[in-house]
Structures are given as C-alpha cells and as structure tokens.
C-alpha atoms as a PDB file:
ATOM      1  CA  MET A   1      95.935 105.807 106.879  1.00  0.00           C
ATOM      2  CA  ALA A   2      95.873 107.731 103.582  1.00  0.00           C
ATOM      3  CA  ALA A   3      92.776 107.329 101.464  1.00  0.00           C
ATOM      4  CA  GLY A   4      93.081 104.482  98.985  1.00  0.00           C
ATOM      5  CA  THR A   5      95.828 102.678 100.937  1.00  0.00           C
ATOM      6  CA  ARG A   6      95.475  98.918 101.169  1.00  0.00           C
ATOM      7  CA  SER A   7      96.706  96.975 104.182  1.00  0.00           C
ATOM      8  CA  TYR A   8      96.929  93.192 104.169  1.00  0.00           C
ATOM      9  CA  GLY A   9      98.591  90.949 106.769  1.00  0.00           C
ATOM     10  CA  PRO A  10     101.444  91.809 109.134  1.00  0.00           C
ATOM     11  CA  PRO A  11     103.681  94.861 108.618  1.00  0.00           C
ATOM     12  CA  ARG A  12     106.339  94.560 105.939  1.00  0.00           C
ATOM     13  CA  PRO A  13     109.664  96.245 106.644  1.00  0.00           C
ATOM     14  CA  ALA A  14     110.722  98.236 103.566  1.00  0.00           C
ATOM     15  CA  ALA A  15     109.913  99.235 100.008  1.00  0.00           C
ATOM     16  CA  ILE A  16     111.737 101.269  97.397  1.00  0.00           C
ATOM     17  CA  PHE A  17     109.587 103.389  95.072  1.00  0.00           C
ATOM     18  CA  VAL A  18     111.375 104.514  91.916  1.00  0.00           C
ATOM     19  CA  ASN A  19     109.939 107.340  89.837  1.00  0.00           C
ATOM     20  CA  GLU A  20     111.652 107.088  86.465  1.00  0.00           C
ATOM     21  CA  GLY A  21     109.920 110.320  85.483  1.00  0.00           C
ATOM     22  CA  ALA A  22     112.557 112.128  87.561  1.00  0.00           C
ATOM     23  CA  GLY A  23     115.556 113.555  85.749  1.00  0.00           C
ATOM     24  CA  SER A  24     118.324 111.053  86.531  1.00  0.00           C
ATOM     25  CA  ALA A  25     116.335 108.051  87.802  1.00  0.00           C
ATOM     26  CA  ALA A  26     117.327 105.909  84.829  1.00  0.00           C
ATOM     27  CA  SER A  27     121.062 106.640  85.121  1.00  0.00           C
ATOM     28  CA  ALA A  28     123.570 103.886  85.856  1.00  0.00           C
ATOM     29  CA  ARG A  29     124.554 105.489  89.170  1.00  0.00           C
ATOM     30  CA  VAL A  30     120.953 105.556  90.405  1.00  0.00           C
ATOM     31  CA  ARG A  31     120.298 101.984  89.215  1.00  0.00           C
ATOM     32  CA  ASP A  32     123.402 100.786  91.078  1.00  0.00           C
ATOM     33  CA  THR A  33     122.329 102.647  94.211  1.00  0.00           C
ATOM     34  CA  VAL A  34     118.833 101.157  94.077  1.00  0.00           C
ATOM     35  CA  ALA A  35     120.255  97.640  93.704  1.00  0.00           C
ATOM     36  CA  LEU A  36     122.530  98.156  96.728  1.00  0.00           C
ATOM     37  CA  ALA A  37     119.699  99.644  98.774  1.00  0.00           C
ATOM     38  CA  ARG A  38     117.342  96.805  97.906  1.00  0.00           C
ATOM     39  CA  ARG A  39     119.842  94.248  99.189  1.00  0.00           C
ATOM     40  CA  ALA A  40     120.763  96.258 102.288  1.00  0.00           C
ATOM     41  CA  LEU A  41     117.136  96.796 103.334  1.00  0.00           C
ATOM     42  CA  ASP A  42     115.718  93.527 101.955  1.00  0.00           C
ATOM     43  CA  ALA A  43     113.189  95.804 100.292  1.00  0.00           C
ATOM     44  CA  ASP A  44     110.426  95.297  97.765  1.00  0.00           C
ATOM     45  CA  LEU A  45     110.751  97.348  94.572  1.00  0.00           C
ATOM     46  CA  HIS A  46     108.002  99.362  92.872  1.00  0.00           C
ATOM     47  CA  VAL A  47     108.686 101.328  89.684  1.00  0.00           C
ATOM     48  CA  THR A  48     106.694 103.969  87.840  1.00  0.00           C
ATOM     49  CA  GLY A  49     107.487 106.790  85.457  1.00  0.00           C
ATOM     50  CA  THR A  50     105.431 109.961  85.707  1.00  0.00           C
ATOM     51  CA  ARG A  51     105.695 113.711  86.122  1.00  0.00           C
ATOM     52  CA  ASP A  52     102.041 113.996  87.131  1.00  0.00           C
ATOM     53  CA  ARG A  53     101.663 114.545  90.887  1.00  0.00           C
ATOM     54  CA  ASP A  54      98.210 112.976  91.075  1.00  0.00           C
ATOM     55  CA  GLU A  55      99.361 109.846  89.234  1.00  0.00           C
ATOM     56  CA  LEU A  56     102.365 109.479  91.521  1.00  0.00           C
ATOM     57  CA  ARG A  57     100.240 109.984  94.619  1.00  0.00           C
ATOM     58  CA  ALA A  58      97.772 107.313  93.483  1.00  0.00           C
ATOM     59  CA  PHE A  59     100.679 104.946  92.740  1.00  0.00           C
ATOM     60  CA  LEU A  60     102.105 105.399  96.253  1.00  0.00           C
ATOM     61  CA  GLU A  61      98.752 105.180  98.034  1.00  0.00           C
ATOM     62  CA  GLU A  62      97.853 101.980  96.194  1.00  0.00           C
ATOM     63  CA  ARG A  63     101.092 100.268  97.267  1.00  0.00           C
ATOM     64  CA  LEU A  64     102.004 101.812 100.633  1.00  0.00           C
ATOM     65  CA  GLY A  65     100.197  99.072 102.509  1.00  0.00           C
ATOM     66  CA  THR A  66     101.962  98.062 105.730  1.00  0.00           C
ATOM     67  CA  TYR A  67     105.500  99.114 104.825  1.00  0.00           C
ATOM     68  CA  ARG A  68     107.381 100.721 107.696  1.00  0.00           C
ATOM     69  CA  THR A  69     110.310 102.137 105.692  1.00  0.00           C
ATOM     70  CA  VAL A  70     109.514 103.795 102.363  1.00  0.00           C
ATOM     71  CA  VAL A  71     112.440 104.921 100.190  1.00  0.00           C
ATOM     72  CA  ILE A  72     111.660 107.413  97.420  1.00  0.00           C
ATOM     73  CA  VAL A  73     113.909 107.456  94.349  1.00  0.00           C
ATOM     74  CA  GLY A  74     113.237 110.666  92.437  1.00  0.00           C
ATOM     75  CA  GLY A  75     113.533 114.418  92.744  1.00  0.00           C
ATOM     76  CA  ASP A  76     112.330 116.844  95.407  1.00  0.00           C
ATOM     77  CA  GLY A  77     108.888 116.833  93.809  1.00  0.00           C
ATOM     78  CA  SER A  78     108.581 113.038  94.079  1.00  0.00           C
ATOM     79  CA  LEU A  79     109.606 113.177  97.728  1.00  0.00           C
ATOM     80  CA  GLY A  80     107.121 116.016  98.235  1.00  0.00           C
ATOM     81  CA  VAL A  81     104.295 113.794  96.975  1.00  0.00           C
ATOM     82  CA  ALA A  82     105.372 111.163  99.509  1.00  0.00           C
ATOM     83  CA  TYR A  83     105.161 113.712 102.339  1.00  0.00           C
ATOM     84  CA  ASN A  84     101.509 114.201 101.535  1.00  0.00           C
ATOM     85  CA  VAL A  85     100.851 110.459 101.402  1.00  0.00           C
ATOM     86  CA  VAL A  86     102.531 109.465 104.691  1.00  0.00           C
ATOM     87  CA  ALA A  87     101.756 112.561 106.789  1.00  0.00           C
ATOM     88  CA  GLY A  88      99.847 111.440 109.855  1.00  0.00           C
ATOM     89  CA  ARG A  89     101.474 107.988 109.695  1.00  0.00           C
ATOM     90  CA  PRO A  90     104.058 108.003 112.552  1.00  0.00           C
ATOM     91  CA  ASP A  91     104.665 104.303 111.868  1.00  0.00           C
ATOM     92  CA  VAL A  92     106.182 105.133 108.452  1.00  0.00           C
ATOM     93  CA  THR A  93     109.751 106.370 107.969  1.00  0.00           C
ATOM     94  CA  LEU A  94     110.810 107.991 104.688  1.00  0.00           C
ATOM     95  CA  GLY A  95     114.192 107.551 103.022  1.00  0.00           C
ATOM     96  CA  TYR A  96     115.450 109.395  99.954  1.00  0.00           C
ATOM     97  CA  LEU A  97     117.698 108.467  97.038  1.00  0.00           C
ATOM     98  CA  PRO A  98     118.192 111.671  94.999  1.00  0.00           C
ATOM     99  CA  ALA A  99     117.424 111.224  91.315  1.00  0.00           C
ATOM    100  CA  GLY A 100     116.235 114.634  90.160  1.00  0.00           C
ATOM    101  CA  PHE A 101     117.940 117.778  88.946  1.00  0.00           C
ATOM    102  CA  GLY A 102     117.851 120.129  91.940  1.00  0.00           C
ATOM    103  CA  ASN A 103     117.913 117.582  94.785  1.00  0.00           C
ATOM    104  CA  ALA A 104     117.588 120.300  97.420  1.00  0.00           C
ATOM    105  CA  THR A 105     116.678 117.777 100.114  1.00  0.00           C
ATOM    106  CA  ALA A 106     119.956 115.906  99.647  1.00  0.00           C
ATOM    107  CA  HIS A 107     121.807 118.966 100.933  1.00  0.00           C
ATOM    108  CA  LEU A 108     119.629 119.249 104.021  1.00  0.00           C
ATOM    109  CA  LEU A 109     120.110 115.552 104.813  1.00  0.00           C
ATOM    110  CA  LYS A 110     123.862 115.705 104.028  1.00  0.00           C
ATOM    111  CA  LEU A 111     123.520 112.709 101.733  1.00  0.00           C
ATOM    112  CA  PRO A 112     126.742 111.489 100.082  1.00  0.00           C
ATOM    113  CA  ARG A 113     126.822 110.916  96.327  1.00  0.00           C
ATOM    114  CA  HIS A 114     128.743 107.613  96.331  1.00  0.00           C
ATOM    115  CA  PRO A 115     126.209 104.742  96.109  1.00  0.00           C
ATOM    116  CA  ALA A 116     127.686 102.651  98.937  1.00  0.00           C
ATOM    117  CA  ALA A 117     127.944 105.630 101.278  1.00  0.00           C
ATOM    118  CA  LEU A 118     124.420 106.748 100.433  1.00  0.00           C
ATOM    119  CA  VAL A 119     123.016 103.293 101.101  1.00  0.00           C
ATOM    120  CA  GLY A 120     124.960 103.262 104.357  1.00  0.00           C
ATOM    121  CA  VAL A 121     122.969 106.293 105.515  1.00  0.00           C
ATOM    122  CA  LEU A 122     119.706 104.529 104.655  1.00  0.00           C
ATOM    123  CA  ALA A 123     120.761 101.314 106.362  1.00  0.00           C
ATOM    124  CA  ALA A 124     121.754 103.211 109.517  1.00  0.00           C
ATOM    125  CA  GLY A 125     118.166 104.447 109.636  1.00  0.00           C
ATOM    126  CA  ASP A 126     118.745 107.624 111.666  1.00  0.00           C
ATOM    127  CA  ALA A 127     115.255 109.111 111.251  1.00  0.00           C
ATOM    128  CA  ARG A 128     114.012 112.377 112.745  1.00  0.00           C
ATOM    129  CA  PRO A 129     110.606 114.036 112.652  1.00  0.00           C
ATOM    130  CA  ILE A 130     110.767 117.099 110.398  1.00  0.00           C
ATOM    131  CA  ASP A 131     108.623 120.188 110.088  1.00  0.00           C
ATOM    132  CA  LEU A 132     107.091 121.025 106.724  1.00  0.00           C
ATOM    133  CA  VAL A 133     105.381 124.019 105.163  1.00  0.00           C
ATOM    134  CA  ALA A 134     101.730 123.665 104.187  1.00  0.00           C
ATOM    135  CA  VAL A 135     100.833 125.705 101.103  1.00  0.00           C
ATOM    136  CA  ASP A 136      97.044 125.825 101.172  1.00  0.00           C
ATOM    137  CA  ASP A 137      97.241 122.322 102.763  1.00  0.00           C
ATOM    138  CA  ARG A 138      99.837 120.892 100.372  1.00  0.00           C
ATOM    139  CA  LEU A 139     102.917 119.809 102.357  1.00  0.00           C
ATOM    140  CA  ALA A 140     106.439 120.627 101.156  1.00  0.00           C
ATOM    141  CA  LEU A 141     109.925 121.241 102.498  1.00  0.00           C
ATOM    142  CA  PHE A 142     110.283 124.539 100.656  1.00  0.00           C
ATOM    143  CA  ALA A 143     107.934 126.809  98.749  1.00  0.00           C
ATOM    144  CA  GLY A 144     108.436 129.953  96.710  1.00  0.00           C
ATOM    145  CA  ALA A 145     106.189 132.656  95.309  1.00  0.00           C
ATOM    146  CA  GLY A 146     107.069 134.755  92.288  1.00  0.00           C
ATOM    147  CA  TRP A 147     109.845 134.396  89.756  1.00  0.00           C
ATOM    148  CA  ASP A 148     111.151 130.949  90.769  1.00  0.00           C
ATOM    149  CA  ALA A 149     107.650 129.513  90.331  1.00  0.00           C
ATOM    150  CA  LEU A 150     107.614 130.811  86.747  1.00  0.00           C
ATOM    151  CA  VAL A 151     110.937 129.068  86.129  1.00  0.00           C
ATOM    152  CA  ALA A 152     109.534 125.861  87.649  1.00  0.00           C
ATOM    153  CA  ARG A 153     106.466 126.046  85.404  1.00  0.00           C
ATOM    154  CA  ARG A 154     108.547 126.475  82.256  1.00  0.00           C
ATOM    155  CA  TYR A 155     110.991 123.751  83.315  1.00  0.00           C
ATOM    156  CA  ALA A 156     108.146 121.258  83.660  1.00  0.00           C
ATOM    157  CA  ALA A 157     106.471 122.407  80.427  1.00  0.00           C
ATOM    158  CA  GLY A 158     109.747 121.859  78.578  1.00  0.00           C
ATOM    159  CA  GLY A 159     109.979 118.247  79.717  1.00  0.00           C
ATOM    160  CA  ALA A 160     112.273 118.765  82.743  1.00  0.00           C
ATOM    161  CA  ARG A 161     115.427 118.055  80.739  1.00  0.00           C
ATOM    162  CA  MET A 162     117.949 118.436  83.561  1.00  0.00           C
ATOM    163  CA  PHE A 163     120.498 121.284  83.185  1.00  0.00           C
ATOM    164  CA  ARG A 164     119.573 122.037  79.580  1.00  0.00           C
ATOM    165  CA  GLY A 165     115.898 122.317  80.496  1.00  0.00           C
ATOM    166  CA  TRP A 166     116.645 124.438  83.534  1.00  0.00           C
ATOM    167  CA  ALA A 167     118.860 126.821  81.544  1.00  0.00           C
ATOM    168  CA  THR A 168     116.152 127.139  78.891  1.00  0.00           C
ATOM    169  CA  ALA A 169     113.501 127.853  81.542  1.00  0.00           C
ATOM    170  CA  VAL A 170     115.666 130.491  83.233  1.00  0.00           C
ATOM    171  CA  THR A 171     116.428 132.179  79.899  1.00  0.00           C
ATOM    172  CA  ALA A 172     112.743 132.248  78.941  1.00  0.00           C
ATOM    173  CA  SER A 173     111.908 133.774  82.341  1.00  0.00           C
ATOM    174  CA  LEU A 174     114.467 136.595  82.235  1.00  0.00           C
ATOM    175  CA  PRO A 175     111.957 139.137  80.819  1.00  0.00           C
ATOM    176  CA  ASP A 176     109.751 138.488  83.872  1.00  0.00           C
ATOM    177  CA  LEU A 177     112.460 139.945  86.105  1.00  0.00           C
ATOM    178  CA  GLY A 178     111.345 143.338  84.855  1.00  0.00           C
ATOM    179  CA  ARG A 179     107.752 142.766  85.999  1.00  0.00           C
ATOM    180  CA  ARG A 180     107.801 142.647  89.769  1.00  0.00           C
ATOM    181  CA  HIS A 181     104.656 141.684  91.665  1.00  0.00           C
ATOM    182  CA  PRO A 182     103.241 144.323  94.026  1.00  0.00           C
ATOM    183  CA  VAL A 183     102.354 142.296  97.142  1.00  0.00           C
ATOM    184  CA  ARG A 184     101.700 142.432 100.845  1.00  0.00           C
ATOM    185  CA  VAL A 185     103.358 139.755 102.991  1.00  0.00           C
ATOM    186  CA  VAL A 186     101.994 139.216 106.504  1.00  0.00           C
ATOM    187  CA  ALA A 187     103.815 136.922 108.965  1.00  0.00           C
ATOM    188  CA  ASP A 188     102.092 136.009 112.249  1.00  0.00           C
ATOM    189  CA  GLY A 189      99.852 139.043 111.888  1.00  0.00           C
ATOM    190  CA  ASN A 190     102.646 141.543 111.139  1.00  0.00           C
ATOM    191  CA  THR A 191     103.262 143.078 107.714  1.00  0.00           C
ATOM    192  CA  ILE A 192     106.886 142.328 106.827  1.00  0.00           C
ATOM    193  CA  HIS A 193     106.774 143.576 103.235  1.00  0.00           C
ATOM    194  CA  GLU A 194     104.508 145.763 101.124  1.00  0.00           C
ATOM    195  CA  GLY A 195     105.594 146.693  97.634  1.00  0.00           C
ATOM    196  CA  PRO A 196     107.355 145.130  94.626  1.00  0.00           C
ATOM    197  CA  MET A 197     108.628 141.555  94.904  1.00  0.00           C
ATOM    198  CA  LEU A 198     110.508 139.147  92.673  1.00  0.00           C
ATOM    199  CA  LEU A 199     110.624 136.187  95.032  1.00  0.00           C
ATOM    200  CA  MET A 200     109.344 135.109  98.440  1.00  0.00           C
ATOM    201  CA  VAL A 201     110.459 131.858 100.044  1.00  0.00           C
ATOM    202  CA  ALA A 202     108.906 130.069 103.034  1.00  0.00           C
ATOM    203  CA  SER A 203     110.622 126.870 104.117  1.00  0.00           C
ATOM    204  CA  THR A 204     111.965 124.581 106.808  1.00  0.00           C
ATOM    205  CA  THR A 205     115.229 124.056 104.914  1.00  0.00           C
ATOM    206  CA  PRO A 206     117.849 126.668 104.024  1.00  0.00           C
ATOM    207  CA  PHE A 207     118.521 125.094 100.632  1.00  0.00           C
ATOM    208  CA  TYR A 208     117.037 125.289  97.169  1.00  0.00           C
ATOM    209  CA  GLY A 209     118.099 122.985  94.341  1.00  0.00           C
ATOM    210  CA  ARG A 210     121.801 122.497  93.618  1.00  0.00           C
ATOM    211  CA  GLY A 211     122.543 123.474  97.231  1.00  0.00           C
ATOM    212  CA  LEU A 212     121.788 127.189  96.788  1.00  0.00           C
ATOM    213  CA  LEU A 213     121.625 128.836 100.218  1.00  0.00           C
ATOM    214  CA  VAL A 214     118.442 130.815  99.595  1.00  0.00           C
ATOM    215  CA  ASN A 215     116.930 130.814 103.100  1.00  0.00           C
ATOM    216  CA  PRO A 216     119.568 130.537 105.866  1.00  0.00           C
ATOM    217  CA  GLY A 217     118.194 130.085 109.346  1.00  0.00           C
ATOM    218  CA  ALA A 218     115.435 127.739 108.189  1.00  0.00           C
ATOM    219  CA  ARG A 219     115.445 124.488 110.163  1.00  0.00           C
ATOM    220  CA  PRO A 220     113.345 121.315 109.991  1.00  0.00           C
ATOM    221  CA  ASP A 221     113.090 121.087 113.797  1.00  0.00           C
ATOM    222  CA  ALA A 222     112.339 124.672 114.865  1.00  0.00           C
ATOM    223  CA  GLY A 223     108.539 124.495 114.858  1.00  0.00           C
ATOM    224  CA  GLN A 224     108.384 127.522 112.576  1.00  0.00           C
ATOM    225  CA  LEU A 225     109.062 128.653 109.025  1.00  0.00           C
ATOM    226  CA  MET A 226     111.752 131.016 107.854  1.00  0.00           C
ATOM    227  CA  VAL A 227     110.367 133.600 105.431  1.00  0.00           C
ATOM    228  CA  ARG A 228     112.384 135.839 103.097  1.00  0.00           C
ATOM    229  CA  VAL A 229     111.245 138.392 100.574  1.00  0.00           C
ATOM    230  CA  TYR A 230     113.563 139.280  97.713  1.00  0.00           C
ATOM    231  CA  PRO A 231     112.123 142.530  96.373  1.00  0.00           C
ATOM    232  CA  GLY A 232     114.467 142.993  93.426  1.00  0.00           C
ATOM    233  CA  PRO A 233     115.072 144.678  91.045  1.00  0.00           C
ATOM    234  CA  ALA A 234     116.830 142.225  88.746  1.00  0.00           C
ATOM    235  CA  ALA A 235     120.350 143.534  89.382  1.00  0.00           C
ATOM    236  CA  ARG A 236     119.863 143.186  93.120  1.00  0.00           C
ATOM    237  CA  LEU A 237     118.502 139.657  92.766  1.00  0.00           C
ATOM    238  CA  ALA A 238     121.554 138.752  90.688  1.00  0.00           C
ATOM    239  CA  GLN A 239     123.766 139.883  93.575  1.00  0.00           C
ATOM    240  CA  GLU A 240     121.719 137.783  95.959  1.00  0.00           C
ATOM    241  CA  ALA A 241     122.000 134.764  93.637  1.00  0.00           C
ATOM    242  CA  ALA A 242     125.782 135.078  93.740  1.00  0.00           C
ATOM    243  CA  ARG A 243     125.551 134.873  97.531  1.00  0.00           C
ATOM    244  CA  TRP A 244     123.321 131.808  97.310  1.00  0.00           C
ATOM    245  CA  ALA A 245     125.806 130.012  95.077  1.00  0.00           C
ATOM    246  CA  SER A 246     128.772 130.815  97.338  1.00  0.00           C
ATOM    247  CA  ARG A 247     126.726 129.976 100.462  1.00  0.00           C
ATOM    248  CA  ARG A 248     127.038 133.452 101.917  1.00  0.00           C
ATOM    249  CA  ALA A 249     124.194 135.042 103.849  1.00  0.00           C
ATOM    250  CA  PRO A 250     121.866 137.038 101.569  1.00  0.00           C
ATOM    251  CA  ALA A 251     121.161 140.705 102.218  1.00  0.00           C
ATOM    252  CA  ALA A 252     117.417 140.025 102.472  1.00  0.00           C
ATOM    253  CA  GLN A 253     116.235 139.680 106.068  1.00  0.00           C
ATOM    254  CA  GLY A 254     114.716 136.443 107.318  1.00  0.00           C
ATOM    255  CA  PHE A 255     111.586 136.376 109.480  1.00  0.00           C
ATOM    256  CA  PRO A 256     110.658 133.351 111.624  1.00  0.00           C
ATOM    257  CA  ALA A 257     106.901 132.734 111.591  1.00  0.00           C
ATOM    258  CA  THR A 258     104.323 129.988 111.960  1.00  0.00           C
ATOM    259  CA  SER A 259     101.842 131.464 109.469  1.00  0.00           C
ATOM    260  CA  VAL A 260     102.359 133.639 106.380  1.00  0.00           C
ATOM    261  CA  THR A 261     100.017 135.181 103.822  1.00  0.00           C
ATOM    262  CA  ILE A 262     101.053 136.783 100.547  1.00  0.00           C
ATOM    263  CA  ALA A 263      98.438 138.806  98.658  1.00  0.00           C
ATOM    264  CA  SER A 264      98.632 140.554  95.309  1.00  0.00           C
ATOM    265  CA  LEU A 265      98.106 144.321  95.344  1.00  0.00           C
ATOM    266  CA  SER A 266      97.219 144.334  91.660  1.00  0.00           C
ATOM    267  CA  SER A 267      95.135 142.297  89.244  1.00  0.00           C
ATOM    268  CA  ARG A 268      98.093 139.952  88.617  1.00  0.00           C
ATOM    269  CA  GLU A 269      97.947 136.527  90.227  1.00  0.00           C
ATOM    270  CA  ILE A 270     100.955 135.196  92.123  1.00  0.00           C
ATOM    271  CA  PRO A 271     102.588 131.946  90.901  1.00  0.00           C
ATOM    272  CA  VAL A 272     103.746 129.497  93.586  1.00  0.00           C
ATOM    273  CA  GLN A 273     105.975 126.420  93.573  1.00  0.00           C
ATOM    274  CA  ALA A 274     106.301 123.723  96.254  1.00  0.00           C
ATOM    275  CA  ASP A 275     109.378 121.472  96.335  1.00  0.00           C
ATOM    276  CA  GLY A 276     110.245 122.739  92.867  1.00  0.00           C
ATOM    277  CA  ASP A 277     106.855 121.965  91.285  1.00  0.00           C
ATOM    278  CA  HIS A 278     104.655 124.807  90.029  1.00  0.00           C
ATOM    279  CA  ILE A 279     101.305 124.364  91.800  1.00  0.00           C
ATOM    280  CA  GLY A 280      99.269 127.274  90.486  1.00  0.00           C
ATOM    281  CA  GLU A 281      98.583 130.996  90.437  1.00  0.00           C
ATOM    282  CA  ALA A 282      96.171 132.895  92.683  1.00  0.00           C
ATOM    283  CA  PRO A 283      95.590 136.400  94.104  1.00  0.00           C
ATOM    284  CA  GLU A 284      96.445 135.180  97.615  1.00  0.00           C
ATOM    285  CA  TRP A 285      98.321 132.270  99.174  1.00  0.00           C
ATOM    286  CA  HIS A 286      98.614 131.031 102.748  1.00  0.00           C
ATOM    287  CA  PHE A 287     101.630 129.192 104.197  1.00  0.00           C
ATOM    288  CA  GLU A 288     101.874 127.628 107.650  1.00  0.00           C
ATOM    289  CA  VAL A 289     104.209 125.313 109.500  1.00  0.00           C
ATOM    290  CA  ARG A 290     103.257 121.691 110.158  1.00  0.00           C
ATOM    291  CA  PRO A 291     105.525 120.556 113.008  1.00  0.00           C
ATOM    292  CA  ALA A 292     106.929 117.010 112.966  1.00  0.00           C
ATOM    293  CA  ALA A 293     104.842 116.173 109.904  1.00  0.00           C
ATOM    294  CA  VAL A 294     106.888 113.164 108.711  1.00  0.00           C
ATOM    295  CA  ARG A 295     109.906 111.077 109.759  1.00  0.00           C
ATOM    296  CA  LEU A 296     112.880 111.313 107.405  1.00  0.00           C
ATOM    297  CA  ILE A 297     116.183 109.413 107.335  1.00  0.00           C
ATOM    298  CA  GLY A 298     119.311 111.551 107.047  1.00  0.00           C
ATOM    299  CA  LYS A 299     122.854 112.109 108.197  1.00  0.00           C
ATOM    300  CA  TRP A 300     121.701 114.258 111.080  1.00  0.00           C
END
C-alpha cells in the first residue's frame, strides 16, 4: 500500500476524485458526467483543486483507503499522479473522466465525449493491465525530452489556460526551435541517435494531447516502449507535426526498447515532461518500461 494511505474496515467499492485544478473540471459537461458516474457506480466523491503534483499525490494517498475502483477526473497529469499512487496495488482499478486540455489518454482508451456514453464505459468496467514508462522512477503513459517539455513548462507557468494558454506557450517556445540539443540516445544498449535533436518521445501510447499521432506503434500491452527521435530542424518538425495532426505515420523511425538513456553532448541540460507535466532538466535521463503497472478501464 502506498505510503500515507489509511485503511479502515472492509473494502469500499468506488470513489471519484475530482481535481478542479485541471482545465475543464469545473465545466457543466464534466459536472454532469461526474453526477452520472457517481450514481452509476454508487461512488464516494472527493474534490480538490491543485496543479501541484505533490499536493495531489498527498490528497489521493490520504483518501485511497480500501477503494477498489478509483475514478480520476482531471487531465493526463492528474491521472499520471494516480499511476504513481496505485502502482503495486493490483486490487485497485483506475477509471478516467477527461477534464484537461490535451486528454491524450482519452484517445488511447477510445473514450466517448457524451456523458452517458462515457459513464457507460466506466460502468462496464472493462479493465486491463497497462504498461507505463518510468522516467527516473516516475511513472507515466508518455514522456518527452526536448522542445515539448519547454512548451509544457511555459503552459504550466502561464496558468494552464486551455487553448489560449497552450497557444501562448507554443508561441513563446518558437525561438527554441532554432536551438537543437546535441544528444546521444541509447536504446537497449544500442545508440539509435547521436547529434542534434528537437524532440524525443518514449511511451506506451501512440498519442499525445488532442489525439496527435506522435508515436505510432506504441502499445500499452507490448512489454516495451516505443522510442522516436525527431532531430529537426524546425521546418522538418513542422512537416512531422502535420502528419501527427492528420494521423499519418511520421517520417521519424520508431525503435522498440525496454530501456532508454538520453544524454546531453553539451553543457545544456535536457528538459523532460511526463504525461504533459514538465518534471525538470538534467544532463542525462533514463526511461524504462514498467509492464502491467496499473489496471485501467477503457473501451478496449
């Protein structure tokens, strides 16, 4: 059981945890969906509002108790915090009600937008164990190194104001497209890239936020990561982004691997994001697969 978790009495069936710090958690559509889900699952309701990962983790750990089904209402980052709380708890099943901006996980799980249909997926309870990526021991569904992590950092610093905030963060990060990171990427002991890089992704899902097909071939049940390096320059990345948006295969090659290391070949540190949250900058990062790390409800 996660540190700080309290357990009293017999197991309780379900709880819904709402993070109103997520982009659209306070919208009428999300409120209606939560009300439907609470009735359908006979679930307890817990509400917080934070964009601080440590605060959210403490909130979940304090209240997880003996719940068997835990539904997270928030963005990919909120769900990512839950992965780290329930990992190693095979008795706990996670559900997801998307209430962020990117909602990458909703595309993997094929979640419908209509509240009744979405609640129907939760009530059906088709849960599968899914693989995750561990970024220096932090669990996530997708992680990126380079330019997208800079965008994530600026999006959070600007208050995470949905599309407006994302557009502002992207615009502020455009000059960084001209400053590629010289890196070495090693996958399962083999160097797959050495030279300039704008973006590297390691994930067990093919999707980024808004359903962008950034890493095709990635699967949550393959027992390995899919790794892609987008070297740039900016014009080439723009072409790749057009492919992501139209869900066409990118030109960048994918490499299946269980363990990946990216190291800077200069004095510049490499920024990294996990599930859309900027987690830091360092000269070297290690990524590895964690098979069947959590159980997640979806339309499999």
